[in-house]
């Protein structure tokens, strides 16, 4: 099994690597969540 990771502020969490498209989708989902948490998006 291949692994990748994601950063959330100061923490790093492992995640299963599926493919580049899924990795990109997860990235933008996390970006949106982080911006909402910081009050940058409605």
PDB file of N, CA and C in Angstrom:
ATOM      1  N   UNK A   1       0.853  -1.178   0.000  1.00  0.00           N
ATOM      2  CA  UNK A   1       0.000   0.000   0.000  1.00  0.00           C
ATOM      3  C   UNK A   1       0.896   1.237   0.000  1.00  0.00           C
ATOM      4  N   UNK A   2       0.557   2.189  -0.851  1.00  0.00           N
ATOM      5  CA  UNK A   2       1.308   3.429  -0.891  1.00  0.00           C
ATOM      6  C   UNK A   2       0.642   4.447   0.024  1.00  0.00           C
ATOM      7  N   UNK A   3       1.446   5.328   0.572  1.00  0.00           N
ATOM      8  CA  UNK A   3       0.947   6.336   1.501  1.00  0.00           C
ATOM      9  C   UNK A   3       1.330   7.721   1.027  1.00  0.00           C
ATOM     10  N   UNK A   4       0.527   8.663   1.354  1.00  0.00           N
ATOM     11  CA  UNK A   4       0.850  10.062   1.210  1.00  0.00           C
ATOM     12  C   UNK A   4       0.514  10.700   2.555  1.00  0.00           C
ATOM     13  N   UNK A   5       0.539  11.989   2.636  1.00  0.00           N
ATOM     14  CA  UNK A   5       0.207  12.644   3.892  1.00  0.00           C
ATOM     15  C   UNK A   5      -0.431  13.991   3.598  1.00  0.00           C
ATOM     16  N   UNK A   6      -1.067  14.539   4.608  1.00  0.00           N
ATOM     17  CA  UNK A   6      -1.625  15.870   4.469  1.00  0.00           C
ATOM     18  C   UNK A   6      -1.291  16.689   5.710  1.00  0.00           C
ATOM     19  N   UNK A   7      -1.125  17.961   5.498  1.00  0.00           N
ATOM     20  CA  UNK A   7      -0.800  18.883   6.576  1.00  0.00           C
ATOM     21  C   UNK A   7      -2.061  19.637   6.968  1.00  0.00           C
ATOM     22  N   UNK A   8      -2.267  19.816   8.223  1.00  0.00           N
ATOM     23  CA  UNK A   8      -3.376  20.640   8.703  1.00  0.00           C
ATOM     24  C   UNK A   8      -2.799  21.522   9.803  1.00  0.00           C
ATOM     25  N   UNK A   9      -2.457  22.737   9.427  1.00  0.00           N
ATOM     26  CA  UNK A   9      -1.808  23.676  10.313  1.00  0.00           C
ATOM     27  C   UNK A   9      -0.505  23.059  10.798  1.00  0.00           C
ATOM     28  N   UNK A  10      -0.399  22.645  12.044  1.00  0.00           N
ATOM     29  CA  UNK A  10       0.866  22.106  12.560  1.00  0.00           C
ATOM     30  C   UNK A  10       0.900  20.581  12.629  1.00  0.00           C
ATOM     31  N   UNK A  11      -0.169  19.927  12.197  1.00  0.00           N
ATOM     32  CA  UNK A  11      -0.193  18.467  12.275  1.00  0.00           C
ATOM     33  C   UNK A  11      -0.065  17.857  10.880  1.00  0.00           C
ATOM     34  N   UNK A  12       0.424  16.633  10.828  1.00  0.00           N
ATOM     35  CA  UNK A  12       0.547  15.877   9.587  1.00  0.00           C
ATOM     36  C   UNK A  12      -0.174  14.555   9.799  1.00  0.00           C
ATOM     37  N   UNK A  13      -1.079  14.226   8.878  1.00  0.00           N
ATOM     38  CA  UNK A  13      -1.857  12.993   9.004  1.00  0.00           C
ATOM     39  C   UNK A  13      -1.633  12.117   7.780  1.00  0.00           C
ATOM     40  N   UNK A  14      -1.373  10.821   7.983  1.00  0.00           N
ATOM     41  CA  UNK A  14      -1.217   9.930   6.827  1.00  0.00           C
ATOM     42  C   UNK A  14      -2.550   9.686   6.135  1.00  0.00           C
ATOM     43  N   UNK A  15      -2.484   9.409   4.849  1.00  0.00           N
ATOM     44  CA  UNK A  15      -3.686   9.038   4.102  1.00  0.00           C
ATOM     45  C   UNK A  15      -3.298   8.029   3.044  1.00  0.00           C
ATOM     46  N   UNK A  16      -4.234   7.180   2.660  1.00  0.00           N
ATOM     47  CA  UNK A  16      -3.974   6.207   1.599  1.00  0.00           C
ATOM     48  C   UNK A  16      -3.843   6.926   0.266  1.00  0.00           C
ATOM     49  N   UNK A  17      -2.860   6.547  -0.521  1.00  0.00           N
ATOM     50  CA  UNK A  17      -2.685   7.112  -1.854  1.00  0.00           C
ATOM     51  C   UNK A  17      -3.471   6.275  -2.848  1.00  0.00           C
ATOM     52  N   UNK A  18      -4.359   6.910  -3.602  1.00  0.00           N
ATOM     53  CA  UNK A  18      -5.156   6.224  -4.611  1.00  0.00           C
ATOM     54  C   UNK A  18      -4.597   6.539  -5.989  1.00  0.00           C
ATOM     55  N   UNK A  19      -4.665   7.815  -6.362  1.00  0.00           N
ATOM     56  CA  UNK A  19      -4.108   8.274  -7.630  1.00  0.00           C
ATOM     57  C   UNK A  19      -3.983   9.798  -7.576  1.00  0.00           C
ATOM     58  N   UNK A  20      -3.381  10.385  -8.617  1.00  0.00           N
ATOM     59  CA  UNK A  20      -3.136  11.822  -8.620  1.00  0.00           C
ATOM     60  C   UNK A  20      -4.436  12.624  -8.596  1.00  0.00           C
ATOM     61  N   UNK A  21      -5.461  12.172  -9.301  1.00  0.00           N
ATOM     62  CA  UNK A  21      -6.727  12.898  -9.325  1.00  0.00           C
ATOM     63  C   UNK A  21      -7.365  12.949  -7.940  1.00  0.00           C
ATOM     64  N   UNK A  22      -7.350  11.831  -7.226  1.00  0.00           N
ATOM     65  CA  UNK A  22      -7.914  11.793  -5.878  1.00  0.00           C
ATOM     66  C   UNK A  22      -7.088  12.659  -4.932  1.00  0.00           C
ATOM     67  N   UNK A  23      -5.774  12.636  -5.089  1.00  0.00           N
ATOM     68  CA  UNK A  23      -4.897  13.455  -4.259  1.00  0.00           C
ATOM     69  C   UNK A  23      -5.206  14.933  -4.470  1.00  0.00           C
ATOM     70  N   UNK A  24      -5.386  15.343  -5.733  1.00  0.00           N
ATOM     71  CA  UNK A  24      -5.702  16.740  -6.044  1.00  0.00           C
ATOM     72  C   UNK A  24      -7.071  17.113  -5.473  1.00  0.00           C
ATOM     73  N   UNK A  25      -8.055  16.250  -5.608  1.00  0.00           N
ATOM     74  CA  UNK A  25      -9.391  16.531  -5.066  1.00  0.00           C
ATOM     75  C   UNK A  25      -9.337  16.670  -3.544  1.00  0.00           C
ATOM     76  N   UNK A  26      -8.598  15.776  -2.886  1.00  0.00           N
ATOM     77  CA  UNK A  26      -8.449  15.860  -1.428  1.00  0.00           C
ATOM     78  C   UNK A  26      -7.756  17.149  -1.022  1.00  0.00           C
ATOM     79  N   UNK A  27      -6.743  17.551  -1.789  1.00  0.00           N
ATOM     80  CA  UNK A  27      -6.016  18.781  -1.494  1.00  0.00           C
ATOM     81  C   UNK A  27      -6.959  19.977  -1.498  1.00  0.00           C
ATOM     82  N   UNK A  28      -7.743  20.135  -2.579  1.00  0.00           N
ATOM     83  CA  UNK A  28      -8.621  21.300  -2.675  1.00  0.00           C
ATOM     84  C   UNK A  28      -9.753  21.245  -1.661  1.00  0.00           C
ATOM     85  N   UNK A  29     -10.172  20.053  -1.289  1.00  0.00           N
ATOM     86  CA  UNK A  29     -11.165  19.926  -0.233  1.00  0.00           C
ATOM     87  C   UNK A  29     -10.592  20.415   1.097  1.00  0.00           C
ATOM     88  N   UNK A  30      -9.349  20.035   1.370  1.00  0.00           N
ATOM     89  CA  UNK A  30      -8.687  20.475   2.600  1.00  0.00           C
ATOM     90  C   UNK A  30      -8.411  21.975   2.583  1.00  0.00           C
ATOM     91  N   UNK A  31      -8.030  22.517   1.438  1.00  0.00           N
ATOM     92  CA  UNK A  31      -7.803  23.962   1.323  1.00  0.00           C
ATOM     93  C   UNK A  31      -9.093  24.717   1.654  1.00  0.00           C
ATOM     94  N   UNK A  32     -10.198  24.273   1.068  1.00  0.00           N
ATOM     95  CA  UNK A  32     -11.480  24.905   1.355  1.00  0.00           C
ATOM     96  C   UNK A  32     -11.836  24.830   2.830  1.00  0.00           C
ATOM     97  N   UNK A  33     -11.612  23.672   3.445  1.00  0.00           N
ATOM     98  CA  UNK A  33     -11.895  23.514   4.874  1.00  0.00           C
ATOM     99  C   UNK A  33     -11.027  24.403   5.737  1.00  0.00           C
ATOM    100  N   UNK A  34      -9.750  24.505   5.394  1.00  0.00           N
ATOM    101  CA  UNK A  34      -8.836  25.353   6.159  1.00  0.00           C
ATOM    102  C   UNK A  34      -9.234  26.824   6.032  1.00  0.00           C
ATOM    103  N   UNK A  35      -9.598  27.243   4.817  1.00  0.00           N
ATOM    104  CA  UNK A  35     -10.023  28.631   4.627  1.00  0.00           C
ATOM    105  C   UNK A  35     -11.308  28.933   5.387  1.00  0.00           C
ATOM    106  N   UNK A  36     -12.241  27.983   5.398  1.00  0.00           N
ATOM    107  CA  UNK A  36     -13.471  28.173   6.189  1.00  0.00           C
ATOM    108  C   UNK A  36     -13.138  28.281   7.657  1.00  0.00           C
ATOM    109  N   UNK A  37     -12.241  27.422   8.157  1.00  0.00           N
ATOM    110  CA  UNK A  37     -11.845  27.467   9.566  1.00  0.00           C
ATOM    111  C   UNK A  37     -11.217  28.804   9.934  1.00  0.00           C
ATOM    112  N   UNK A  38     -10.504  29.392   8.990  1.00  0.00           N
ATOM    113  CA  UNK A  38      -9.854  30.682   9.234  1.00  0.00           C
ATOM    114  C   UNK A  38     -10.776  31.869   8.960  1.00  0.00           C
ATOM    115  N   UNK A  39     -12.004  31.582   8.514  1.00  0.00           N
ATOM    116  CA  UNK A  39     -12.976  32.630   8.254  1.00  0.00           C
ATOM    117  C   UNK A  39     -12.755  33.346   6.940  1.00  0.00           C
ATOM    118  N   UNK A  40     -12.046  32.708   6.017  1.00  0.00           N
ATOM    119  CA  UNK A  40     -11.746  33.323   4.732  1.00  0.00           C
ATOM    120  C   UNK A  40     -12.791  33.013   3.668  1.00  0.00           C
ATOM    121  N   UNK A  41     -13.657  32.043   3.920  1.00  0.00           N
ATOM    122  CA  UNK A  41     -14.703  31.676   2.964  1.00  0.00           C
ATOM    123  C   UNK A  41     -16.024  31.545   3.696  1.00  0.00           C
ATOM    124  N   UNK A  42     -17.082  31.835   3.003  1.00  0.00           N
ATOM    125  CA  UNK A  42     -18.415  31.702   3.621  1.00  0.00           C
ATOM    126  C   UNK A  42     -18.877  30.269   3.547  1.00  0.00           C
TER     127      UNK A  42
END
